[in-house]
Amino acid sequence: LAGPAFGQPHDPRIFATAGFNTLHLWPVQDLDAALTAAAGFGLQVIVQHPSMDFVRRHHGSSAILSWMIEDEPSEFVAEADTPARLAAFADQSRTLRAIDPRRSLMVVDVSGTLGSSIDGNGSTTVTVS
């Protein structure tokens, strides 16, 4: 985190001084200000749920390590709804790739929370072309 979020101030200087090199920016923050602050201390960032406007404005920034485009996609989602959700995820991935083809795309999942997933083993595979 960098800047105010969740009612708390977050200072990227503290993370840099502690030896960290990457911050996770949450969508509840002023992402522009947080990116600038983190970059000022030589930190890279993972940007969660960036808007396409933000991606267009900042895709050239060396401070951005990854776009986190989905957070826990299998949590609280009925198995019957999973294919549609993964199709939407794939569409978003293609859109981001069109704007920023070199940056990594990231997903964080909690597979197995509800005991079911696409392949029954806690793994979900998405192919983006």
N, C-alpha and C. Protein backbone atom coordinates (compact mmCIF):
# COMPACT_ATOMS: atom_id res chain seq x y z
N LEU A 1 0.83 -1.18 0.00
CA LEU A 1 0.00 0.00 0.00
C LEU A 1 0.87 1.25 0.00
N ALA A 2 0.34 2.29 -0.54
CA ALA A 2 1.02 3.59 -0.53
C ALA A 2 -0.05 4.66 -0.49
N GLY A 3 0.09 5.61 0.42
CA GLY A 3 -0.91 6.65 0.57
C GLY A 3 -2.04 6.17 1.46
N PRO A 4 -3.10 6.98 1.60
CA PRO A 4 -4.19 6.60 2.50
C PRO A 4 -5.04 5.48 1.91
N ALA A 5 -5.36 4.51 2.73
CA ALA A 5 -6.25 3.41 2.35
C ALA A 5 -6.75 2.74 3.62
N PHE A 6 -8.02 2.39 3.61
CA PHE A 6 -8.64 1.70 4.74
C PHE A 6 -8.49 2.50 6.04
N GLY A 7 -8.53 3.83 5.92
CA GLY A 7 -8.46 4.69 7.09
C GLY A 7 -7.08 4.82 7.71
N GLN A 8 -6.06 4.33 7.03
CA GLN A 8 -4.69 4.38 7.55
C GLN A 8 -3.77 5.02 6.53
N PRO A 9 -2.78 5.77 6.99
CA PRO A 9 -1.76 6.26 6.05
C PRO A 9 -0.73 5.15 5.81
N HIS A 10 -0.27 5.04 4.59
CA HIS A 10 0.74 4.03 4.25
C HIS A 10 1.88 4.76 3.54
N ASP A 11 3.06 4.67 4.11
CA ASP A 11 4.22 5.39 3.61
C ASP A 11 5.17 4.43 2.91
N PRO A 12 5.33 4.57 1.58
CA PRO A 12 6.22 3.65 0.87
C PRO A 12 7.67 3.72 1.35
N ARG A 13 8.06 4.84 1.97
CA ARG A 13 9.43 4.96 2.50
C ARG A 13 9.70 3.87 3.54
N ILE A 14 8.69 3.56 4.36
CA ILE A 14 8.85 2.53 5.39
C ILE A 14 9.14 1.18 4.75
N PHE A 15 8.42 0.85 3.69
CA PHE A 15 8.63 -0.43 3.00
C PHE A 15 10.00 -0.47 2.33
N ALA A 16 10.39 0.63 1.69
CA ALA A 16 11.70 0.69 1.03
C ALA A 16 12.82 0.56 2.05
N THR A 17 12.69 1.26 3.18
CA THR A 17 13.71 1.21 4.23
C THR A 17 13.82 -0.19 4.82
N ALA A 18 12.71 -0.90 4.88
CA ALA A 18 12.70 -2.27 5.42
C ALA A 18 13.27 -3.28 4.43
N GLY A 19 13.56 -2.83 3.20
CA GLY A 19 14.16 -3.75 2.22
C GLY A 19 13.19 -4.34 1.22
N PHE A 20 11.92 -3.96 1.29
CA PHE A 20 10.97 -4.46 0.30
C PHE A 20 11.20 -3.74 -1.02
N ASN A 21 10.84 -4.41 -2.12
CA ASN A 21 11.02 -3.78 -3.43
C ASN A 21 9.71 -3.70 -4.23
N THR A 22 8.62 -4.24 -3.68
CA THR A 22 7.36 -4.26 -4.41
C THR A 22 6.20 -3.97 -3.46
N LEU A 23 5.26 -3.16 -3.93
CA LEU A 23 4.03 -2.87 -3.19
C LEU A 23 2.83 -3.33 -3.99
N HIS A 24 1.77 -3.67 -3.29
CA HIS A 24 0.50 -4.05 -3.91
C HIS A 24 -0.44 -2.87 -3.75
N LEU A 25 -0.82 -2.24 -4.84
CA LEU A 25 -1.73 -1.10 -4.79
C LEU A 25 -3.16 -1.59 -4.93
N TRP A 26 -4.00 -1.17 -4.02
CA TRP A 26 -5.41 -1.56 -4.00
C TRP A 26 -6.25 -0.54 -4.74
N PRO A 27 -7.36 -0.95 -5.31
CA PRO A 27 -8.19 -0.02 -6.08
C PRO A 27 -8.86 1.07 -5.24
N VAL A 28 -8.84 0.95 -3.90
CA VAL A 28 -9.44 1.98 -3.04
C VAL A 28 -8.52 3.18 -2.87
N GLN A 29 -7.29 3.09 -3.38
CA GLN A 29 -6.32 4.17 -3.24
C GLN A 29 -6.39 5.12 -4.43
N ASP A 30 -5.78 6.27 -4.26
CA ASP A 30 -5.51 7.16 -5.39
C ASP A 30 -4.32 6.53 -6.09
N LEU A 31 -4.57 5.74 -7.12
CA LEU A 31 -3.52 4.96 -7.76
C LEU A 31 -2.44 5.84 -8.39
N ASP A 32 -2.82 6.97 -8.95
CA ASP A 32 -1.82 7.86 -9.54
C ASP A 32 -0.83 8.35 -8.48
N ALA A 33 -1.36 8.81 -7.35
CA ALA A 33 -0.49 9.30 -6.27
C ALA A 33 0.34 8.17 -5.67
N ALA A 34 -0.27 7.00 -5.49
CA ALA A 34 0.45 5.87 -4.91
C ALA A 34 1.57 5.40 -5.82
N LEU A 35 1.32 5.37 -7.14
CA LEU A 35 2.35 4.98 -8.09
C LEU A 35 3.51 5.96 -8.06
N THR A 36 3.20 7.24 -8.06
CA THR A 36 4.25 8.26 -8.01
C THR A 36 5.07 8.14 -6.74
N ALA A 37 4.40 7.96 -5.60
CA ALA A 37 5.11 7.84 -4.32
C ALA A 37 6.00 6.61 -4.29
N ALA A 38 5.48 5.47 -4.74
CA ALA A 38 6.26 4.24 -4.74
C ALA A 38 7.48 4.36 -5.66
N ALA A 39 7.26 4.88 -6.85
CA ALA A 39 8.37 5.04 -7.80
C ALA A 39 9.44 5.97 -7.25
N GLY A 40 9.03 6.97 -6.47
CA GLY A 40 9.98 7.90 -5.87
C GLY A 40 10.94 7.23 -4.91
N PHE A 41 10.58 6.08 -4.39
CA PHE A 41 11.45 5.33 -3.49
C PHE A 41 12.04 4.10 -4.17
N GLY A 42 11.93 4.04 -5.50
CA GLY A 42 12.51 2.92 -6.24
C GLY A 42 11.75 1.62 -6.10
N LEU A 43 10.49 1.69 -5.70
CA LEU A 43 9.68 0.49 -5.53
C LEU A 43 8.89 0.20 -6.79
N GLN A 44 8.67 -1.07 -7.05
CA GLN A 44 7.76 -1.47 -8.11
C GLN A 44 6.41 -1.77 -7.48
N VAL A 45 5.37 -1.78 -8.31
CA VAL A 45 4.03 -2.00 -7.79
C VAL A 45 3.28 -3.04 -8.59
N ILE A 46 2.37 -3.72 -7.91
CA ILE A 46 1.37 -4.57 -8.52
C ILE A 46 0.06 -3.79 -8.37
N VAL A 47 -0.60 -3.51 -9.48
CA VAL A 47 -1.81 -2.68 -9.46
C VAL A 47 -3.02 -3.60 -9.59
N GLN A 48 -3.84 -3.62 -8.55
CA GLN A 48 -5.03 -4.48 -8.52
C GLN A 48 -6.20 -3.77 -9.18
N HIS A 49 -6.86 -4.47 -10.10
CA HIS A 49 -8.05 -3.98 -10.80
C HIS A 49 -7.87 -2.58 -11.40
N PRO A 50 -6.85 -2.40 -12.23
CA PRO A 50 -6.66 -1.07 -12.82
C PRO A 50 -7.76 -0.76 -13.83
N SER A 51 -8.14 0.50 -13.91
CA SER A 51 -9.07 0.90 -14.97
C SER A 51 -8.29 0.92 -16.29
N MET A 52 -9.00 0.80 -17.38
CA MET A 52 -8.33 0.86 -18.69
C MET A 52 -7.71 2.24 -18.90
N ASP A 53 -8.32 3.28 -18.35
CA ASP A 53 -7.75 4.62 -18.44
C ASP A 53 -6.40 4.66 -17.71
N PHE A 54 -6.33 4.08 -16.53
CA PHE A 54 -5.08 4.04 -15.77
C PHE A 54 -4.02 3.27 -16.55
N VAL A 55 -4.40 2.13 -17.11
CA VAL A 55 -3.46 1.31 -17.89
C VAL A 55 -2.94 2.10 -19.09
N ARG A 56 -3.82 2.78 -19.80
CA ARG A 56 -3.39 3.57 -20.96
C ARG A 56 -2.42 4.68 -20.56
N ARG A 57 -2.67 5.32 -19.43
CA ARG A 57 -1.82 6.42 -18.99
C ARG A 57 -0.48 5.96 -18.44
N HIS A 58 -0.43 4.75 -17.87
CA HIS A 58 0.78 4.34 -17.15
C HIS A 58 1.47 3.08 -17.69
N HIS A 59 1.02 2.56 -18.82
CA HIS A 59 1.60 1.29 -19.28
C HIS A 59 3.10 1.38 -19.56
N GLY A 60 3.62 2.55 -19.76
CA GLY A 60 5.05 2.71 -19.99
C GLY A 60 5.89 2.86 -18.74
N SER A 61 5.25 2.88 -17.57
CA SER A 61 5.97 3.10 -16.31
C SER A 61 6.80 1.88 -15.92
N SER A 62 8.07 2.11 -15.66
CA SER A 62 8.94 1.01 -15.21
C SER A 62 8.64 0.62 -13.76
N ALA A 63 7.85 1.42 -13.06
CA ALA A 63 7.52 1.11 -11.67
C ALA A 63 6.43 0.04 -11.57
N ILE A 64 5.73 -0.24 -12.67
CA ILE A 64 4.66 -1.23 -12.61
C ILE A 64 5.22 -2.60 -12.95
N LEU A 65 5.12 -3.51 -11.99
CA LEU A 65 5.60 -4.87 -12.18
C LEU A 65 4.53 -5.73 -12.85
N SER A 66 3.28 -5.55 -12.43
CA SER A 66 2.22 -6.42 -12.93
C SER A 66 0.87 -5.77 -12.76
N TRP A 67 -0.06 -6.17 -13.64
CA TRP A 67 -1.47 -5.81 -13.49
C TRP A 67 -2.16 -6.99 -12.84
N MET A 68 -2.76 -6.79 -11.70
CA MET A 68 -3.52 -7.86 -11.03
C MET A 68 -4.97 -7.68 -11.46
N ILE A 69 -5.39 -8.53 -12.38
CA ILE A 69 -6.70 -8.30 -12.99
C ILE A 69 -7.82 -9.11 -12.36
N GLU A 70 -7.49 -10.02 -11.49
CA GLU A 70 -8.55 -10.77 -10.81
C GLU A 70 -8.05 -11.18 -9.44
N ASP A 71 -8.92 -11.07 -8.47
CA ASP A 71 -8.60 -11.43 -7.10
C ASP A 71 -9.59 -12.49 -6.64
N GLU A 72 -9.08 -13.68 -6.39
CA GLU A 72 -9.86 -14.80 -5.89
C GLU A 72 -11.09 -15.11 -6.76
N PRO A 73 -10.87 -15.42 -8.03
CA PRO A 73 -12.00 -15.63 -8.94
C PRO A 73 -12.86 -16.85 -8.62
N SER A 74 -12.34 -17.80 -7.90
CA SER A 74 -13.16 -18.98 -7.63
C SER A 74 -13.87 -18.91 -6.29
N GLU A 75 -13.61 -17.87 -5.51
CA GLU A 75 -14.25 -17.76 -4.21
C GLU A 75 -15.70 -17.29 -4.37
N PHE A 76 -16.59 -17.99 -3.74
CA PHE A 76 -18.01 -17.64 -3.71
C PHE A 76 -18.65 -17.58 -5.10
N VAL A 77 -18.14 -18.36 -6.02
CA VAL A 77 -18.70 -18.42 -7.36
C VAL A 77 -19.18 -19.85 -7.59
N ALA A 78 -20.44 -19.98 -7.93
CA ALA A 78 -20.97 -21.31 -8.20
C ALA A 78 -20.26 -21.91 -9.40
N GLU A 79 -20.04 -23.20 -9.36
CA GLU A 79 -19.32 -23.86 -10.45
C GLU A 79 -19.99 -23.59 -11.79
N ALA A 80 -21.31 -23.50 -11.80
CA ALA A 80 -22.03 -23.25 -13.06
C ALA A 80 -21.72 -21.87 -13.63
N ASP A 81 -21.33 -20.91 -12.77
CA ASP A 81 -21.01 -19.55 -13.22
C ASP A 81 -19.55 -19.39 -13.63
N THR A 82 -18.72 -20.37 -13.33
CA THR A 82 -17.29 -20.24 -13.56
C THR A 82 -16.94 -20.04 -15.03
N PRO A 83 -17.51 -20.78 -15.99
CA PRO A 83 -17.13 -20.54 -17.39
C PRO A 83 -17.38 -19.10 -17.86
N ALA A 84 -18.48 -18.51 -17.48
CA ALA A 84 -18.76 -17.12 -17.88
C ALA A 84 -17.77 -16.16 -17.22
N ARG A 85 -17.44 -16.42 -15.98
CA ARG A 85 -16.48 -15.56 -15.29
C ARG A 85 -15.10 -15.67 -15.92
N LEU A 86 -14.70 -16.88 -16.29
CA LEU A 86 -13.41 -17.06 -16.94
C LEU A 86 -13.39 -16.44 -18.34
N ALA A 87 -14.52 -16.47 -19.04
CA ALA A 87 -14.60 -15.82 -20.36
C ALA A 87 -14.42 -14.31 -20.20
N ALA A 88 -15.03 -13.72 -19.18
CA ALA A 88 -14.87 -12.29 -18.93
C ALA A 88 -13.42 -11.97 -18.57
N PHE A 89 -12.80 -12.84 -17.78
CA PHE A 89 -11.39 -12.70 -17.42
C PHE A 89 -10.52 -12.74 -18.68
N ALA A 90 -10.80 -13.66 -19.58
CA ALA A 90 -10.03 -13.77 -20.82
C ALA A 90 -10.20 -12.52 -21.70
N ASP A 91 -11.42 -11.98 -21.76
CA ASP A 91 -11.66 -10.75 -22.52
C ASP A 91 -10.85 -9.59 -21.94
N GLN A 92 -10.86 -9.46 -20.62
CA GLN A 92 -10.10 -8.40 -19.98
C GLN A 92 -8.60 -8.58 -20.24
N SER A 93 -8.14 -9.81 -20.19
CA SER A 93 -6.73 -10.09 -20.46
C SER A 93 -6.34 -9.65 -21.87
N ARG A 94 -7.18 -9.96 -22.84
CA ARG A 94 -6.90 -9.56 -24.23
C ARG A 94 -6.87 -8.04 -24.37
N THR A 95 -7.79 -7.36 -23.70
CA THR A 95 -7.83 -5.90 -23.75
C THR A 95 -6.55 -5.31 -23.16
N LEU A 96 -6.14 -5.82 -22.01
CA LEU A 96 -4.91 -5.34 -21.39
C LEU A 96 -3.69 -5.64 -22.27
N ARG A 97 -3.65 -6.83 -22.84
CA ARG A 97 -2.52 -7.20 -23.71
C ARG A 97 -2.42 -6.28 -24.93
N ALA A 98 -3.57 -5.84 -25.43
CA ALA A 98 -3.57 -4.93 -26.58
C ALA A 98 -2.93 -3.58 -26.21
N ILE A 99 -3.13 -3.15 -24.97
CA ILE A 99 -2.55 -1.89 -24.50
C ILE A 99 -1.12 -2.07 -24.04
N ASP A 100 -0.86 -3.15 -23.33
CA ASP A 100 0.44 -3.36 -22.68
C ASP A 100 0.88 -4.82 -22.87
N PRO A 101 1.42 -5.14 -24.04
CA PRO A 101 1.74 -6.54 -24.33
C PRO A 101 2.92 -7.12 -23.55
N ARG A 102 3.73 -6.28 -22.92
CA ARG A 102 4.93 -6.81 -22.25
C ARG A 102 4.77 -7.03 -20.76
N ARG A 103 3.77 -6.42 -20.16
CA ARG A 103 3.60 -6.50 -18.70
C ARG A 103 2.92 -7.80 -18.31
N SER A 104 3.32 -8.34 -17.16
CA SER A 104 2.67 -9.56 -16.68
C SER A 104 1.27 -9.26 -16.17
N LEU A 105 0.41 -10.25 -16.32
CA LEU A 105 -0.95 -10.19 -15.79
C LEU A 105 -1.01 -11.19 -14.64
N MET A 106 -1.65 -10.80 -13.57
CA MET A 106 -1.61 -11.61 -12.36
C MET A 106 -3.02 -11.90 -11.86
N VAL A 107 -3.19 -13.08 -11.32
CA VAL A 107 -4.41 -13.45 -10.64
C VAL A 107 -4.02 -14.10 -9.31
N VAL A 108 -4.77 -13.81 -8.28
CA VAL A 108 -4.58 -14.45 -6.99
C VAL A 108 -5.86 -15.23 -6.72
N ASP A 109 -5.71 -16.49 -6.37
CA ASP A 109 -6.90 -17.31 -6.19
C ASP A 109 -6.84 -18.06 -4.86
N VAL A 110 -7.99 -18.47 -4.43
CA VAL A 110 -8.14 -19.26 -3.20
C VAL A 110 -8.80 -20.58 -3.55
N SER A 111 -8.36 -21.19 -4.62
CA SER A 111 -8.98 -22.43 -5.10
C SER A 111 -9.12 -23.43 -3.97
N GLY A 112 -10.24 -24.09 -3.99
CA GLY A 112 -10.50 -25.11 -2.98
C GLY A 112 -11.29 -24.60 -1.79
N THR A 113 -11.50 -23.28 -1.72
CA THR A 113 -12.24 -22.73 -0.58
C THR A 113 -13.60 -23.38 -0.45
N LEU A 114 -14.27 -23.54 -1.57
CA LEU A 114 -15.60 -24.14 -1.54
C LEU A 114 -15.59 -25.61 -1.95
N GLY A 115 -14.40 -26.15 -2.19
CA GLY A 115 -14.29 -27.56 -2.51
C GLY A 115 -14.57 -27.90 -3.96
N SER A 116 -14.70 -26.90 -4.83
CA SER A 116 -14.91 -27.22 -6.23
C SER A 116 -14.18 -26.21 -7.09
N SER A 117 -13.83 -26.65 -8.27
CA SER A 117 -13.16 -25.78 -9.23
C SER A 117 -13.36 -26.38 -10.60
N ILE A 118 -12.77 -25.76 -11.59
CA ILE A 118 -12.96 -26.22 -12.97
C ILE A 118 -12.55 -27.67 -13.15
N ASP A 119 -11.37 -28.05 -12.68
CA ASP A 119 -10.92 -29.41 -12.91
C ASP A 119 -11.06 -30.32 -11.70
N GLY A 120 -11.62 -29.80 -10.61
CA GLY A 120 -11.82 -30.63 -9.42
C GLY A 120 -10.58 -30.80 -8.57
N ASN A 121 -9.45 -30.26 -9.01
CA ASN A 121 -8.20 -30.40 -8.27
C ASN A 121 -7.71 -29.08 -7.71
N GLY A 122 -8.54 -28.06 -7.75
CA GLY A 122 -8.11 -26.76 -7.24
C GLY A 122 -7.36 -25.94 -8.27
N SER A 123 -7.40 -26.34 -9.53
CA SER A 123 -6.68 -25.62 -10.57
C SER A 123 -7.65 -25.13 -11.63
N THR A 124 -7.39 -23.95 -12.13
CA THR A 124 -8.17 -23.40 -13.21
C THR A 124 -7.21 -22.97 -14.30
N THR A 125 -7.49 -23.34 -15.51
CA THR A 125 -6.63 -22.96 -16.63
C THR A 125 -7.41 -22.06 -17.56
N VAL A 126 -6.79 -20.94 -17.94
CA VAL A 126 -7.39 -20.03 -18.87
C VAL A 126 -6.41 -19.83 -20.02
N THR A 127 -6.87 -20.00 -21.24
CA THR A 127 -6.04 -19.76 -22.39
C THR A 127 -6.50 -18.46 -23.04
N VAL A 128 -5.58 -17.53 -23.20
CA VAL A 128 -5.88 -16.25 -23.82
C VAL A 128 -5.13 -16.18 -25.13
N SER A 129 -5.86 -15.96 -26.21
CA SER A 129 -5.19 -15.88 -27.50
C SER A 129 -5.31 -14.50 -28.08
